[in-house]
Amino acid sequence: MKKIIETNMAPKAIGAYSQACQVGNQLFLSGQIGLNPSTGELVANDVKAQLEQAILNMQAVCNAANTSLQNVVKLNVYLIDMLDFPIVNDLVNQYFKPNFPARAVVQVAGLPKNAKIELDGIAFC
């Protein structure tokens, strides 16, 4: 049975999707960009601030499902510019502790609201 996870501590969906769906003990986390949950706007125009906010948004959704970032097993990162890859590594090291999730980082042509980065993932509850 699919359970929809929603929280006001993360931005509301800006399309036809849920913040996360839980099936059994698996949590499928929708993409998060660096939106301020209160305003629905990007927190800044730089990738570091957007990435940090996206991680905090993902953390809020995990918390709403009674889990945490430490239970993320797969993390996907979408970048507008692959030159920002070192920033990804630095922040992932701050918010995710060993044993790190499996991860993919890809460069994309564009993201919603002209964001510089987006995250999605899979966690367990």
PDB file of N, CA and C in Angstrom:
ATOM      1  N   MET A   1       0.847  -1.186   0.000  1.00  0.00           N
ATOM      2  CA  MET A   1       0.000   0.000   0.000  1.00  0.00           C
ATOM      3  C   MET A   1       0.887   1.242   0.000  1.00  0.00           C
ATOM      4  N   LYS A   2       0.571   2.173  -0.856  1.00  0.00           N
ATOM      5  CA  LYS A   2       1.329   3.419  -0.972  1.00  0.00           C
ATOM      6  C   LYS A   2       0.788   4.440   0.031  1.00  0.00           C
ATOM      7  N   LYS A   3       1.708   5.043   0.787  1.00  0.00           N
ATOM      8  CA  LYS A   3       1.363   6.109   1.732  1.00  0.00           C
ATOM      9  C   LYS A   3       2.052   7.390   1.258  1.00  0.00           C
ATOM     10  N   ILE A   4       1.284   8.456   1.133  1.00  0.00           N
ATOM     11  CA  ILE A   4       1.825   9.748   0.709  1.00  0.00           C
ATOM     12  C   ILE A   4       2.387  10.473   1.935  1.00  0.00           C
ATOM     13  N   ILE A   5       3.599  10.981   1.797  1.00  0.00           N
ATOM     14  CA  ILE A   5       4.253  11.733   2.872  1.00  0.00           C
ATOM     15  C   ILE A   5       4.266  13.197   2.466  1.00  0.00           C
ATOM     16  N   GLU A   6       3.754  14.048   3.350  1.00  0.00           N
ATOM     17  CA  GLU A   6       3.743  15.497   3.114  1.00  0.00           C
ATOM     18  C   GLU A   6       4.069  16.216   4.417  1.00  0.00           C
ATOM     19  N   THR A   7       4.760  17.338   4.303  1.00  0.00           N
ATOM     20  CA  THR A   7       5.067  18.167   5.461  1.00  0.00           C
ATOM     21  C   THR A   7       5.122  19.635   5.042  1.00  0.00           C
ATOM     22  N   ASN A   8       4.727  20.506   5.928  1.00  0.00           N
ATOM     23  CA  ASN A   8       4.843  21.944   5.692  1.00  0.00           C
ATOM     24  C   ASN A   8       6.264  22.444   5.919  1.00  0.00           C
ATOM     25  N   MET A   9       7.132  21.563   6.436  1.00  0.00           N
ATOM     26  CA  MET A   9       8.518  21.934   6.701  1.00  0.00           C
ATOM     27  C   MET A   9       9.377  21.868   5.433  1.00  0.00           C
ATOM     28  N   ALA A  10       8.794  21.390   4.344  1.00  0.00           N
ATOM     29  CA  ALA A  10       9.456  21.361   3.036  1.00  0.00           C
ATOM     30  C   ALA A  10       8.520  22.054   2.047  1.00  0.00           C
ATOM     31  N   PRO A  11       9.062  22.527   0.932  1.00  0.00           N
ATOM     32  CA  PRO A  11       8.211  23.216  -0.048  1.00  0.00           C
ATOM     33  C   PRO A  11       7.096  22.324  -0.571  1.00  0.00           C
ATOM     34  N   LYS A  12       5.957  22.924  -0.810  1.00  0.00           N
ATOM     35  CA  LYS A  12       4.844  22.199  -1.432  1.00  0.00           C
ATOM     36  C   LYS A  12       5.244  21.813  -2.853  1.00  0.00           C
ATOM     37  N   ALA A  13       4.695  20.727  -3.327  1.00  0.00           N
ATOM     38  CA  ALA A  13       4.961  20.285  -4.690  1.00  0.00           C
ATOM     39  C   ALA A  13       4.544  21.374  -5.675  1.00  0.00           C
ATOM     40  N   ILE A  14       5.366  21.592  -6.699  1.00  0.00           N
ATOM     41  CA  ILE A  14       5.039  22.606  -7.708  1.00  0.00           C
ATOM     42  C   ILE A  14       4.566  21.932  -8.998  1.00  0.00           C
ATOM     43  N   GLY A  15       4.060  20.733  -8.847  1.00  0.00           N
ATOM     44  CA  GLY A  15       3.535  19.980  -9.984  1.00  0.00           C
ATOM     45  C   GLY A  15       2.677  18.838  -9.478  1.00  0.00           C
ATOM     46  N   ALA A  16       2.404  17.898 -10.356  1.00  0.00           N
ATOM     47  CA  ALA A  16       1.548  16.758 -10.022  1.00  0.00           C
ATOM     48  C   ALA A  16       2.396  15.628  -9.440  1.00  0.00           C
ATOM     49  N   TYR A  17       2.856  15.816  -8.219  1.00  0.00           N
ATOM     50  CA  TYR A  17       3.649  14.807  -7.524  1.00  0.00           C
ATOM     51  C   TYR A  17       3.552  15.023  -6.021  1.00  0.00           C
ATOM     52  N   SER A  18       3.973  14.014  -5.265  1.00  0.00           N
ATOM     53  CA  SER A  18       4.002  14.087  -3.808  1.00  0.00           C
ATOM     54  C   SER A  18       5.435  14.342  -3.355  1.00  0.00           C
ATOM     55  N   GLN A  19       5.605  14.890  -2.158  1.00  0.00           N
ATOM     56  CA  GLN A  19       6.948  15.093  -1.628  1.00  0.00           C
ATOM     57  C   GLN A  19       7.667  13.756  -1.486  1.00  0.00           C
ATOM     58  N   ALA A  20       6.922  12.724  -1.095  1.00  0.00           N
ATOM     59  CA  ALA A  20       7.485  11.374  -1.007  1.00  0.00           C
ATOM     60  C   ALA A  20       6.346  10.372  -0.969  1.00  0.00           C
ATOM     61  N   CYS A  21       6.672   9.144  -1.356  1.00  0.00           N
ATOM     62  CA  CYS A  21       5.743   8.016  -1.262  1.00  0.00           C
ATOM     63  C   CYS A  21       6.442   6.908  -0.495  1.00  0.00           C
ATOM     64  N   GLN A  22       5.733   6.369   0.474  1.00  0.00           N
ATOM     65  CA  GLN A  22       6.268   5.260   1.252  1.00  0.00           C
ATOM     66  C   GLN A  22       5.527   3.990   0.866  1.00  0.00           C
ATOM     67  N   VAL A  23       6.296   2.944   0.591  1.00  0.00           N
ATOM     68  CA  VAL A  23       5.748   1.626   0.307  1.00  0.00           C
ATOM     69  C   VAL A  23       6.509   0.659   1.203  1.00  0.00           C
ATOM     70  N   GLY A  24       5.804   0.091   2.165  1.00  0.00           N
ATOM     71  CA  GLY A  24       6.490  -0.759   3.141  1.00  0.00           C
ATOM     72  C   GLY A  24       7.499   0.081   3.903  1.00  0.00           C
ATOM     73  N   ASN A  25       8.739  -0.400   3.938  1.00  0.00           N
ATOM     74  CA  ASN A  25       9.773   0.371   4.640  1.00  0.00           C
ATOM     75  C   ASN A  25      10.639   1.182   3.677  1.00  0.00           C
ATOM     76  N   GLN A  26      10.188   1.332   2.433  1.00  0.00           N
ATOM     77  CA  GLN A  26      10.925   2.128   1.453  1.00  0.00           C
ATOM     78  C   GLN A  26      10.263   3.497   1.278  1.00  0.00           C
ATOM     79  N   LEU A  27      11.101   4.528   1.235  1.00  0.00           N
ATOM     80  CA  LEU A  27      10.630   5.896   1.054  1.00  0.00           C
ATOM     81  C   LEU A  27      11.240   6.450  -0.228  1.00  0.00           C
ATOM     82  N   PHE A  28      10.391   6.817  -1.170  1.00  0.00           N
ATOM     83  CA  PHE A  28      10.822   7.364  -2.449  1.00  0.00           C
ATOM     84  C   PHE A  28      10.656   8.881  -2.388  1.00  0.00           C
ATOM     85  N   LEU A  29      11.785   9.592  -2.357  1.00  0.00           N
ATOM     86  CA  LEU A  29      11.812  11.037  -2.153  1.00  0.00           C
ATOM     87  C   LEU A  29      11.816  11.766  -3.491  1.00  0.00           C
ATOM     88  N   SER A  30      10.834  12.631  -3.700  1.00  0.00           N
ATOM     89  CA  SER A  30      10.781  13.435  -4.918  1.00  0.00           C
ATOM     90  C   SER A  30      11.912  14.454  -4.925  1.00  0.00           C
ATOM     91  N   GLY A  31      12.128  15.026  -6.096  1.00  0.00           N
ATOM     92  CA  GLY A  31      13.182  16.015  -6.237  1.00  0.00           C
ATOM     93  C   GLY A  31      12.956  17.229  -5.351  1.00  0.00           C
ATOM     94  N   GLN A  32      14.058  17.706  -4.784  1.00  0.00           N
ATOM     95  CA  GLN A  32      14.051  18.922  -3.976  1.00  0.00           C
ATOM     96  C   GLN A  32      15.059  19.885  -4.558  1.00  0.00           C
ATOM     97  N   ILE A  33      14.617  21.107  -4.780  1.00  0.00           N
ATOM     98  CA  ILE A  33      15.531  22.185  -5.148  1.00  0.00           C
ATOM     99  C   ILE A  33      15.624  23.115  -3.939  1.00  0.00           C
ATOM    100  N   GLY A  34      16.422  24.142  -4.055  1.00  0.00           N
ATOM    101  CA  GLY A  34      16.678  25.023  -2.915  1.00  0.00           C
ATOM    102  C   GLY A  34      15.592  26.036  -2.637  1.00  0.00           C
ATOM    103  N   LEU A  35      14.355  25.559  -2.529  1.00  0.00           N
ATOM    104  CA  LEU A  35      13.238  26.460  -2.235  1.00  0.00           C
ATOM    105  C   LEU A  35      13.062  26.650  -0.742  1.00  0.00           C
ATOM    106  N   ASN A  36      12.818  27.883  -0.350  1.00  0.00           N
ATOM    107  CA  ASN A  36      12.432  28.181   1.024  1.00  0.00           C
ATOM    108  C   ASN A  36      11.008  27.663   1.204  1.00  0.00           C
ATOM    109  N   PRO A  37      10.753  26.808   2.207  1.00  0.00           N
ATOM    110  CA  PRO A  37       9.414  26.254   2.383  1.00  0.00           C
ATOM    111  C   PRO A  37       8.341  27.317   2.654  1.00  0.00           C
ATOM    112  N   SER A  38       8.728  28.425   3.249  1.00  0.00           N
ATOM    113  CA  SER A  38       7.759  29.474   3.587  1.00  0.00           C
ATOM    114  C   SER A  38       7.360  30.323   2.389  1.00  0.00           C
ATOM    115  N   THR A  39       8.338  30.627   1.524  1.00  0.00           N
ATOM    116  CA  THR A  39       8.076  31.546   0.423  1.00  0.00           C
ATOM    117  C   THR A  39       7.881  30.843  -0.919  1.00  0.00           C
ATOM    118  N   GLY A  40       8.402  29.625  -1.048  1.00  0.00           N
ATOM    119  CA  GLY A  40       8.341  28.925  -2.323  1.00  0.00           C
ATOM    120  C   GLY A  40       9.318  29.471  -3.353  1.00  0.00           C
ATOM    121  N   GLU A  41      10.243  30.301  -2.918  1.00  0.00           N
ATOM    122  CA  GLU A  41      11.250  30.887  -3.802  1.00  0.00           C
ATOM    123  C   GLU A  41      12.623  30.316  -3.489  1.00  0.00           C
ATOM    124  N   LEU A  42      13.522  30.363  -4.486  1.00  0.00           N
ATOM    125  CA  LEU A  42      14.895  29.916  -4.264  1.00  0.00           C
ATOM    126  C   LEU A  42      15.543  30.764  -3.178  1.00  0.00           C
ATOM    127  N   VAL A  43      16.333  30.129  -2.325  1.00  0.00           N
ATOM    128  CA  VAL A  43      16.950  30.843  -1.204  1.00  0.00           C
ATOM    129  C   VAL A  43      18.033  31.814  -1.649  1.00  0.00           C
ATOM    130  N   ALA A  44      18.678  31.525  -2.760  1.00  0.00           N
ATOM    131  CA  ALA A  44      19.748  32.386  -3.279  1.00  0.00           C
ATOM    132  C   ALA A  44      20.017  31.970  -4.713  1.00  0.00           C
ATOM    133  N   ASN A  45      20.936  32.668  -5.338  1.00  0.00           N
ATOM    134  CA  ASN A  45      21.289  32.326  -6.706  1.00  0.00           C
ATOM    135  C   ASN A  45      22.574  31.506  -6.780  1.00  0.00           C
ATOM    136  N   ASP A  46      23.134  31.094  -5.639  1.00  0.00           N
ATOM    137  CA  ASP A  46      24.362  30.306  -5.682  1.00  0.00           C
ATOM    138  C   ASP A  46      24.086  28.848  -5.334  1.00  0.00           C
ATOM    139  N   VAL A  47      24.886  27.979  -5.910  1.00  0.00           N
ATOM    140  CA  VAL A  47      24.646  26.540  -5.809  1.00  0.00           C
ATOM    141  C   VAL A  47      24.795  26.028  -4.376  1.00  0.00           C
ATOM    142  N   LYS A  48      25.732  26.561  -3.611  1.00  0.00           N
ATOM    143  CA  LYS A  48      25.945  26.072  -2.241  1.00  0.00           C
ATOM    144  C   LYS A  48      24.708  26.311  -1.381  1.00  0.00           C
ATOM    145  N   ALA A  49      24.170  27.515  -1.417  1.00  0.00           N
ATOM    146  CA  ALA A  49      22.968  27.828  -0.630  1.00  0.00           C
ATOM    147  C   ALA A  49      21.780  26.999  -1.100  1.00  0.00           C
ATOM    148  N   GLN A  50      21.642  26.830  -2.416  1.00  0.00           N
ATOM    149  CA  GLN A  50      20.531  26.027  -2.936  1.00  0.00           C
ATOM    150  C   GLN A  50      20.674  24.563  -2.535  1.00  0.00           C
ATOM    151  N   LEU A  51      21.885  24.033  -2.611  1.00  0.00           N
ATOM    152  CA  LEU A  51      22.105  22.640  -2.234  1.00  0.00           C
ATOM    153  C   LEU A  51      21.831  22.425  -0.749  1.00  0.00           C
ATOM    154  N   GLU A  52      22.309  23.317   0.080  1.00  0.00           N
ATOM    155  CA  GLU A  52      22.066  23.175   1.518  1.00  0.00           C
ATOM    156  C   GLU A  52      20.569  23.192   1.819  1.00  0.00           C
ATOM    157  N   GLN A  53      19.827  24.093   1.177  1.00  0.00           N
ATOM    158  CA  GLN A  53      18.381  24.144   1.398  1.00  0.00           C
ATOM    159  C   GLN A  53      17.708  22.884   0.859  1.00  0.00           C
ATOM    160  N   ALA A  54      18.155  22.388  -0.292  1.00  0.00           N
ATOM    161  CA  ALA A  54      17.577  21.158  -0.835  1.00  0.00           C
ATOM    162  C   ALA A  54      17.798  19.992   0.128  1.00  0.00           C
ATOM    163  N   ILE A  55      18.977  19.920   0.732  1.00  0.00           N
ATOM    164  CA  ILE A  55      19.253  18.865   1.722  1.00  0.00           C
ATOM    165  C   ILE A  55      18.339  19.033   2.926  1.00  0.00           C
ATOM    166  N   LEU A  56      18.177  20.263   3.407  1.00  0.00           N
ATOM    167  CA  LEU A  56      17.289  20.504   4.557  1.00  0.00           C
ATOM    168  C   LEU A  56      15.844  20.142   4.204  1.00  0.00           C
ATOM    169  N   ASN A  57      15.433  20.419   2.972  1.00  0.00           N
ATOM    170  CA  ASN A  57      14.085  20.040   2.538  1.00  0.00           C
ATOM    171  C   ASN A  57      13.929  18.526   2.518  1.00  0.00           C
ATOM    172  N   MET A  58      14.940  17.829   2.004  1.00  0.00           N
ATOM    173  CA  MET A  58      14.909  16.369   1.984  1.00  0.00           C
ATOM    174  C   MET A  58      14.863  15.826   3.413  1.00  0.00           C
ATOM    175  N   GLN A  59      15.636  16.436   4.294  1.00  0.00           N
ATOM    176  CA  GLN A  59      15.653  16.030   5.694  1.00  0.00           C
ATOM    177  C   GLN A  59      14.268  16.198   6.329  1.00  0.00           C
ATOM    178  N   ALA A  60      13.590  17.288   6.017  1.00  0.00           N
ATOM    179  CA  ALA A  60      12.253  17.526   6.563  1.00  0.00           C
ATOM    180  C   ALA A  60      11.263  16.464   6.091  1.00  0.00           C
ATOM    181  N   VAL A  61      11.360  16.069   4.828  1.00  0.00           N
ATOM    182  CA  VAL A  61      10.473  15.026   4.315  1.00  0.00           C
ATOM    183  C   VAL A  61      10.800  13.690   4.972  1.00  0.00           C
ATOM    184  N   CYS A  62      12.083  13.394   5.133  1.00  0.00           N
ATOM    185  CA  CYS A  62      12.477  12.170   5.844  1.00  0.00           C
ATOM    186  C   CYS A  62      11.909  12.179   7.267  1.00  0.00           C
ATOM    187  N   ASN A  63      12.042  13.299   7.952  1.00  0.00           N
ATOM    188  CA  ASN A  63      11.520  13.403   9.321  1.00  0.00           C
ATOM    189  C   ASN A  63      10.014  13.162   9.359  1.00  0.00           C
ATOM    190  N   ALA A  64       9.298  13.648   8.359  1.00  0.00           N
ATOM    191  CA  ALA A  64       7.842  13.450   8.305  1.00  0.00           C
ATOM    192  C   ALA A  64       7.483  11.980   8.150  1.00  0.00           C
ATOM    193  N   ALA A  65       8.415  11.195   7.619  1.00  0.00           N
ATOM    194  CA  ALA A  65       8.200   9.748   7.463  1.00  0.00           C
ATOM    195  C   ALA A  65       8.863   8.968   8.600  1.00  0.00           C
ATOM    196  N   ASN A  66       9.275   9.679   9.649  1.00  0.00           N
ATOM    197  CA  ASN A  66       9.930   9.060  10.806  1.00  0.00           C
ATOM    198  C   ASN A  66      11.220   8.340  10.434  1.00  0.00           C
ATOM    199  N   THR A  67      11.989   8.969   9.560  1.00  0.00           N
ATOM    200  CA  THR A  67      13.312   8.460   9.223  1.00  0.00           C
ATOM    201  C   THR A  67      14.267   9.648   9.144  1.00  0.00           C
ATOM    202  N   SER A  68      15.473   9.439   8.651  1.00  0.00           N
ATOM    203  CA  SER A  68      16.459  10.511   8.621  1.00  0.00           C
ATOM    204  C   SER A  68      17.338  10.397   7.381  1.00  0.00           C
ATOM    205  N   LEU A  69      18.173  11.402   7.178  1.00  0.00           N
ATOM    206  CA  LEU A  69      19.110  11.374   6.056  1.00  0.00           C
ATOM    207  C   LEU A  69      20.058  10.183   6.152  1.00  0.00           C
ATOM    208  N   GLN A  70      20.320   9.727   7.373  1.00  0.00           N
ATOM    209  CA  GLN A  70      21.232   8.590   7.536  1.00  0.00           C
ATOM    210  C   GLN A  70      20.654   7.303   6.969  1.00  0.00           C
ATOM    211  N   ASN A  71      19.353   7.295   6.706  1.00  0.00           N
ATOM    212  CA  ASN A  71      18.704   6.115   6.121  1.00  0.00           C
ATOM    213  C   ASN A  71      18.488   6.246   4.615  1.00  0.00           C
ATOM    214  N   VAL A  72      19.052   7.289   4.018  1.00  0.00           N
ATOM    215  CA  VAL A  72      19.009   7.422   2.556  1.00  0.00           C
ATOM    216  C   VAL A  72      20.012   6.423   1.981  1.00  0.00           C
ATOM    217  N   VAL A  73      19.531   5.564   1.090  1.00  0.00           N
ATOM    218  CA  VAL A  73      20.398   4.542   0.492  1.00  0.00           C
ATOM    219  C   VAL A  73      20.794   4.884  -0.942  1.00  0.00           C
ATOM    220  N   LYS A  74      20.050   5.780  -1.593  1.00  0.00           N
ATOM    221  CA  LYS A  74      20.353   6.201  -2.960  1.00  0.00           C
ATOM    222  C   LYS A  74      20.078   7.687  -3.073  1.00  0.00           C
ATOM    223  N   LEU A  75      21.063   8.427  -3.534  1.00  0.00           N
ATOM    224  CA  LEU A  75      20.946   9.872  -3.691  1.00  0.00           C
ATOM    225  C   LEU A  75      21.305  10.223  -5.125  1.00  0.00           C
ATOM    226  N   ASN A  76      20.409  10.941  -5.787  1.00  0.00           N
ATOM    227  CA  ASN A  76      20.655  11.428  -7.137  1.00  0.00           C
ATOM    228  C   ASN A  76      20.803  12.943  -7.079  1.00  0.00           C
ATOM    229  N   VAL A  77      21.842  13.448  -7.723  1.00  0.00           N
ATOM    230  CA  VAL A  77      22.124  14.879  -7.743  1.00  0.00           C
ATOM    231  C   VAL A  77      22.147  15.333  -9.197  1.00  0.00           C
ATOM    232  N   TYR A  78      21.382  16.384  -9.477  1.00  0.00           N
ATOM    233  CA  TYR A  78      21.301  16.951 -10.824  1.00  0.00           C
ATOM    234  C   TYR A  78      21.871  18.365 -10.774  1.00  0.00           C
ATOM    235  N   LEU A  79      22.927  18.602 -11.546  1.00  0.00           N
ATOM    236  CA  LEU A  79      23.613  19.887 -11.557  1.00  0.00           C
ATOM    237  C   LEU A  79      23.470  20.565 -12.912  1.00  0.00           C
ATOM    238  N   ILE A  80      23.370  21.873 -12.894  1.00  0.00           N
ATOM    239  CA  ILE A  80      23.414  22.640 -14.126  1.00  0.00           C
ATOM    240  C   ILE A  80      24.858  22.722 -14.626  1.00  0.00           C
ATOM    241  N   ASP A  81      25.817  22.762 -13.690  1.00  0.00           N
ATOM    242  CA  ASP A  81      27.231  22.909 -14.044  1.00  0.00           C
ATOM    243  C   ASP A  81      28.054  21.890 -13.253  1.00  0.00           C
ATOM    244  N   MET A  82      28.697  20.965 -13.944  1.00  0.00           N
ATOM    245  CA  MET A  82      29.491  19.935 -13.284  1.00  0.00           C
ATOM    246  C   MET A  82      30.690  20.516 -12.540  1.00  0.00           C
ATOM    247  N   LEU A  83      31.049  21.759 -12.805  1.00  0.00           N
ATOM    248  CA  LEU A  83      32.124  22.397 -12.042  1.00  0.00           C
ATOM    249  C   LEU A  83      31.735  22.583 -10.577  1.00  0.00           C
ATOM    250  N   ASP A  84      30.442  22.449 -10.268  1.00  0.00           N
ATOM    251  CA  ASP A  84      29.979  22.558  -8.878  1.00  0.00           C
ATOM    252  C   ASP A  84      30.105  21.240  -8.117  1.00  0.00           C
ATOM    253  N   PHE A  85      30.651  20.221  -8.751  1.00  0.00           N
ATOM    254  CA  PHE A  85      30.787  18.907  -8.126  1.00  0.00           C
ATOM    255  C   PHE A  85      31.515  18.946  -6.776  1.00  0.00           C
ATOM    256  N   PRO A  86      32.627  19.710  -6.616  1.00  0.00           N
ATOM    257  CA  PRO A  86      33.293  19.761  -5.302  1.00  0.00           C
ATOM    258  C   PRO A  86      32.383  20.297  -4.185  1.00  0.00           C
ATOM    259  N   ILE A  87      31.501  21.222  -4.519  1.00  0.00           N
ATOM    260  CA  ILE A  87      30.561  21.751  -3.521  1.00  0.00           C
ATOM    261  C   ILE A  87      29.622  20.636  -3.066  1.00  0.00           C
ATOM    262  N   VAL A  88      29.182  19.800  -4.000  1.00  0.00           N
ATOM    263  CA  VAL A  88      28.329  18.655  -3.661  1.00  0.00           C
ATOM    264  C   VAL A  88      29.043  17.757  -2.660  1.00  0.00           C
ATOM    265  N   ASN A  89      30.279  17.411  -2.956  1.00  0.00           N
ATOM    266  CA  ASN A  89      31.016  16.526  -2.054  1.00  0.00           C
ATOM    267  C   ASN A  89      31.164  17.126  -0.663  1.00  0.00           C
ATOM    268  N   ASP A  90      31.507  18.407  -0.585  1.00  0.00           N
ATOM    269  CA  ASP A  90      31.679  19.055   0.724  1.00  0.00           C
ATOM    270  C   ASP A  90      30.393  19.011   1.549  1.00  0.00           C
ATOM    271  N   LEU A  91      29.263  19.362   0.951  1.00  0.00           N
ATOM    272  CA  LEU A  91      28.008  19.389   1.709  1.00  0.00           C
ATOM    273  C   LEU A  91      27.489  17.990   2.017  1.00  0.00           C
ATOM    274  N   VAL A  92      27.662  17.055   1.094  1.00  0.00           N
ATOM    275  CA  VAL A  92      27.242  15.676   1.382  1.00  0.00           C
ATOM    276  C   VAL A  92      28.027  15.155   2.585  1.00  0.00           C
ATOM    277  N   ASN A  93      29.308  15.478   2.674  1.00  0.00           N
ATOM    278  CA  ASN A  93      30.106  15.059   3.829  1.00  0.00           C
ATOM    279  C   ASN A  93      29.628  15.688   5.131  1.00  0.00           C
ATOM    280  N   GLN A  94      29.015  16.859   5.064  1.00  0.00           N
ATOM    281  CA  GLN A  94      28.511  17.519   6.273  1.00  0.00           C
ATOM    282  C   GLN A  94      27.185  16.937   6.743  1.00  0.00           C
ATOM    283  N   TYR A  95      26.312  16.564   5.807  1.00  0.00           N
ATOM    284  CA  TYR A  95      24.961  16.145   6.165  1.00  0.00           C
ATOM    285  C   TYR A  95      24.754  14.636   6.174  1.00  0.00           C
ATOM    286  N   PHE A  96      25.539  13.904   5.406  1.00  0.00           N
ATOM    287  CA  PHE A  96      25.433  12.452   5.363  1.00  0.00           C
ATOM    288  C   PHE A  96      26.710  11.885   5.953  1.00  0.00           C
ATOM    289  N   LYS A  97      26.583  10.958   6.866  1.00  0.00           N
ATOM    290  CA  LYS A  97      27.746  10.379   7.537  1.00  0.00           C
ATOM    291  C   LYS A  97      28.049   9.011   6.940  1.00  0.00           C
ATOM    292  N   PRO A  98      29.308   8.562   7.085  1.00  0.00           N
ATOM    293  CA  PRO A  98      29.585   7.193   6.627  1.00  0.00           C
ATOM    294  C   PRO A  98      28.645   6.243   7.362  1.00  0.00           C
ATOM    295  N   ASN A  99      28.175   5.320   6.743  1.00  0.00           N
ATOM    296  CA  ASN A  99      28.218   4.766   5.419  1.00  0.00           C
ATOM    297  C   ASN A  99      27.322   5.580   4.504  1.00  0.00           C
ATOM    298  N   PHE A 100      27.959   6.215   3.521  1.00  0.00           N
ATOM    299  CA  PHE A 100      27.275   7.117   2.615  1.00  0.00           C
ATOM    300  C   PHE A 100      26.304   6.364   1.705  1.00  0.00           C
ATOM    301  N   PRO A 101      25.265   7.066   1.213  1.00  0.00           N
ATOM    302  CA  PRO A 101      24.360   6.424   0.251  1.00  0.00           C
ATOM    303  C   PRO A 101      25.064   6.207  -1.086  1.00  0.00           C
ATOM    304  N   ALA A 102      24.543   5.280  -1.870  1.00  0.00           N
ATOM    305  CA  ALA A 102      24.952   5.195  -3.267  1.00  0.00           C
ATOM    306  C   ALA A 102      24.538   6.511  -3.917  1.00  0.00           C
ATOM    307  N   ARG A 103      25.274   6.953  -4.935  1.00  0.00           N
ATOM    308  CA  ARG A 103      24.994   8.285  -5.470  1.00  0.00           C
ATOM    309  C   ARG A 103      25.293   8.363  -6.951  1.00  0.00           C
ATOM    310  N   ALA A 104      24.511   9.164  -7.639  1.00  0.00           N
ATOM    311  CA  ALA A 104      24.785   9.536  -9.026  1.00  0.00           C
ATOM    312  C   ALA A 104      24.742  11.050  -9.103  1.00  0.00           C
ATOM    313  N   VAL A 105      25.656  11.620  -9.880  1.00  0.00           N
ATOM    314  CA  VAL A 105      25.671  13.061 -10.123  1.00  0.00           C
ATOM    315  C   VAL A 105      25.709  13.249 -11.634  1.00  0.00           C
ATOM    316  N   VAL A 106      24.721  13.972 -12.147  1.00  0.00           N
ATOM    317  CA  VAL A 106      24.666  14.206 -13.587  1.00  0.00           C
ATOM    318  C   VAL A 106      24.443  15.691 -13.866  1.00  0.00           C
ATOM    319  N   GLN A 107      24.970  16.116 -14.997  1.00  0.00           N
ATOM    320  CA  GLN A 107      24.729  17.483 -15.451  1.00  0.00           C
ATOM    321  C   GLN A 107      23.488  17.482 -16.331  1.00  0.00           C
ATOM    322  N   VAL A 108      22.624  18.480 -16.104  1.00  0.00           N
ATOM    323  CA  VAL A 108      21.374  18.591 -16.860  1.00  0.00           C
ATOM    324  C   VAL A 108      21.293  19.966 -17.521  1.00  0.00           C
ATOM    325  N   ALA A 109      20.419  20.077 -18.506  1.00  0.00           N
ATOM    326  CA  ALA A 109      20.280  21.325 -19.252  1.00  0.00           C
ATOM    327  C   ALA A 109      19.455  22.370 -18.500  1.00  0.00           C
ATOM    328  N   GLY A 110      18.549  21.931 -17.634  1.00  0.00           N
ATOM    329  CA  GLY A 110      17.712  22.881 -16.918  1.00  0.00           C
ATOM    330  C   GLY A 110      16.963  22.216 -15.788  1.00  0.00           C
ATOM    331  N   LEU A 111      16.564  23.021 -14.815  1.00  0.00           N
ATOM    332  CA  LEU A 111      15.818  22.548 -13.645  1.00  0.00           C
ATOM    333  C   LEU A 111      14.666  23.511 -13.365  1.00  0.00           C
ATOM    334  N   PRO A 112      13.655  23.066 -12.612  1.00  0.00           N
ATOM    335  CA  PRO A 112      12.529  23.954 -12.287  1.00  0.00           C
ATOM    336  C   PRO A 112      13.007  25.247 -11.618  1.00  0.00           C
ATOM    337  N   LYS A 113      12.334  26.316 -11.937  1.00  0.00           N
ATOM    338  CA  LYS A 113      12.599  27.651 -11.373  1.00  0.00           C
ATOM    339  C   LYS A 113      14.032  28.110 -11.610  1.00  0.00           C
ATOM    340  N   ASN A 114      14.671  27.561 -12.636  1.00  0.00           N
ATOM    341  CA  ASN A 114      16.073  27.885 -12.947  1.00  0.00           C
ATOM    342  C   ASN A 114      17.022  27.587 -11.797  1.00  0.00           C
ATOM    343  N   ALA A 115      16.697  26.568 -11.018  1.00  0.00           N
ATOM    344  CA  ALA A 115      17.573  26.143  -9.923  1.00  0.00           C
ATOM    345  C   ALA A 115      18.893  25.647 -10.492  1.00  0.00           C
ATOM    346  N   LYS A 116      19.914  25.664  -9.650  1.00  0.00           N
ATOM    347  CA  LYS A 116      21.237  25.196 -10.056  1.00  0.00           C
ATOM    348  C   LYS A 116      21.477  23.745  -9.687  1.00  0.00           C
ATOM    349  N   ILE A 117      20.618  23.189  -8.804  1.00  0.00           N
ATOM    350  CA  ILE A 117      20.811  21.824  -8.335  1.00  0.00           C
ATOM    351  C   ILE A 117      19.482  21.238  -7.883  1.00  0.00           C
ATOM    352  N   GLU A 118      19.345  19.931  -8.008  1.00  0.00           N
ATOM    353  CA  GLU A 118      18.173  19.215  -7.516  1.00  0.00           C
ATOM    354  C   GLU A 118      18.640  17.872  -6.966  1.00  0.00           C
ATOM    355  N   LEU A 119      17.953  17.405  -5.929  1.00  0.00           N
ATOM    356  CA  LEU A 119      18.235  16.108  -5.301  1.00  0.00           C
ATOM    357  C   LEU A 119      16.970  15.266  -5.288  1.00  0.00           C
ATOM    358  N   ASP A 120      17.117  13.963  -5.430  1.00  0.00           N
ATOM    359  CA  ASP A 120      16.056  13.033  -5.094  1.00  0.00           C
ATOM    360  C   ASP A 120      16.717  11.783  -4.533  1.00  0.00           C
ATOM    361  N   GLY A 121      15.926  10.882  -4.008  1.00  0.00           N
ATOM    362  CA  GLY A 121      16.548   9.703  -3.439  1.00  0.00           C
ATOM    363  C   GLY A 121      15.563   8.661  -2.960  1.00  0.00           C
ATOM    364  N   ILE A 122      16.145   7.623  -2.380  1.00  0.00           N
ATOM    365  CA  ILE A 122      15.402   6.534  -1.779  1.00  0.00           C
ATOM    366  C   ILE A 122      15.964   6.293  -0.391  1.00  0.00           C
ATOM    367  N   ALA A 123      15.077   6.149   0.576  1.00  0.00           N
ATOM    368  CA  ALA A 123      15.483   5.882   1.954  1.00  0.00           C
ATOM    369  C   ALA A 123      14.674   4.707   2.472  1.00  0.00           C
ATOM    370  N   PHE A 124      15.044   4.230   3.646  1.00  0.00           N
ATOM    371  CA  PHE A 124      14.233   3.223   4.310  1.00  0.00           C
ATOM    372  C   PHE A 124      13.759   3.772   5.644  1.00  0.00           C
ATOM    373  N   CYS A 125      12.632   3.258   6.083  1.00  0.00           N
ATOM    374  CA  CYS A 125      12.016   3.734   7.325  1.00  0.00           C
ATOM    375  C   CYS A 125      12.139   2.670   8.410  1.00  0.00           C
TER     376      CYS A 125
END
